[in-house]
Each structure stands twice: as structure tokens, then as C-alpha cells.
Amino acid sequence: MNLEIFFQLAAILLILAAGPLVIVLLASRSGNL
């Protein structure tokens, strides 16, 4: 398994995981919608 493929998969997982986390952080800061 190449490192480039591993880093690409890791970057995609981080982006997919960061989406919901950002929404939760914004919701918690602005208050419950």
C-alpha cells in the first residue's frame, strides 16, 4: 500500500469527519436551533 494512497484516504476521512463536527460546533456556539 502506497503512502500517497494512505494519505489521500486519510484526508478524505478527515474531511468527511470534519463536516458534522463543524456543524455541531457552530450549533453549540449559536445555541440550539
C-alpha atoms as a PDB file:
ATOM      1  CA  MET A   1       0.000   0.000   0.000  1.00  0.00           C
ATOM      2  CA  ASN A   2       1.472   3.307  -1.104  1.00  0.00           C
ATOM      3  CA  LEU A   3       1.802   6.220   1.297  1.00  0.00           C
ATOM      4  CA  GLU A   4       0.162   8.543  -1.216  1.00  0.00           C
ATOM      5  CA  ILE A   5      -2.984   6.404  -1.299  1.00  0.00           C
ATOM      6  CA  PHE A   6      -2.959   6.213   2.504  1.00  0.00           C
ATOM      7  CA  PHE A   7      -2.682   9.993   2.838  1.00  0.00           C
ATOM      8  CA  GLN A   8      -5.446  10.534   0.291  1.00  0.00           C
ATOM      9  CA  LEU A   9      -7.769   8.175   2.175  1.00  0.00           C
ATOM     10  CA  ALA A  10      -6.836   9.846   5.473  1.00  0.00           C
ATOM     11  CA  ALA A  11      -7.555  13.299   4.014  1.00  0.00           C
ATOM     12  CA  ILE A  12     -10.958  12.160   2.716  1.00  0.00           C
ATOM     13  CA  LEU A  13     -11.837  10.632   6.091  1.00  0.00           C
ATOM     14  CA  LEU A  14     -10.794  13.843   7.859  1.00  0.00           C
ATOM     15  CA  ILE A  15     -12.945  15.954   5.528  1.00  0.00           C
ATOM     16  CA  LEU A  16     -15.944  13.638   5.960  1.00  0.00           C
ATOM     17  CA  ALA A  17     -15.470  13.654   9.744  1.00  0.00           C
ATOM     18  CA  ALA A  18     -14.866  17.420   9.920  1.00  0.00           C
ATOM     19  CA  GLY A  19     -18.200  18.241   8.257  1.00  0.00           C
ATOM     20  CA  PRO A  20     -20.519  17.060  11.070  1.00  0.00           C
ATOM     21  CA  LEU A  21     -18.056  18.285  13.726  1.00  0.00           C
ATOM     22  CA  VAL A  22     -18.102  21.830  12.325  1.00  0.00           C
ATOM     23  CA  ILE A  23     -21.906  21.809  12.183  1.00  0.00           C
ATOM     24  CA  VAL A  24     -22.093  20.616  15.801  1.00  0.00           C
ATOM     25  CA  LEU A  25     -19.613  23.279  16.939  1.00  0.00           C
ATOM     26  CA  LEU A  26     -21.500  26.055  15.138  1.00  0.00           C
ATOM     27  CA  ALA A  27     -24.812  24.820  16.543  1.00  0.00           C
ATOM     28  CA  SER A  28     -23.431  24.643  20.079  1.00  0.00           C
ATOM     29  CA  ARG A  29     -21.967  28.158  19.833  1.00  0.00           C
ATOM     30  CA  SER A  30     -25.008  29.812  18.239  1.00  0.00           C
ATOM     31  CA  GLY A  31     -27.371  27.908  20.516  1.00  0.00           C
ATOM     32  CA  ASN A  32     -29.848  25.133  19.848  1.00  0.00           C
ATOM     33  CA  LEU A  33     -31.774  25.612  16.617  1.00  0.00           C
END
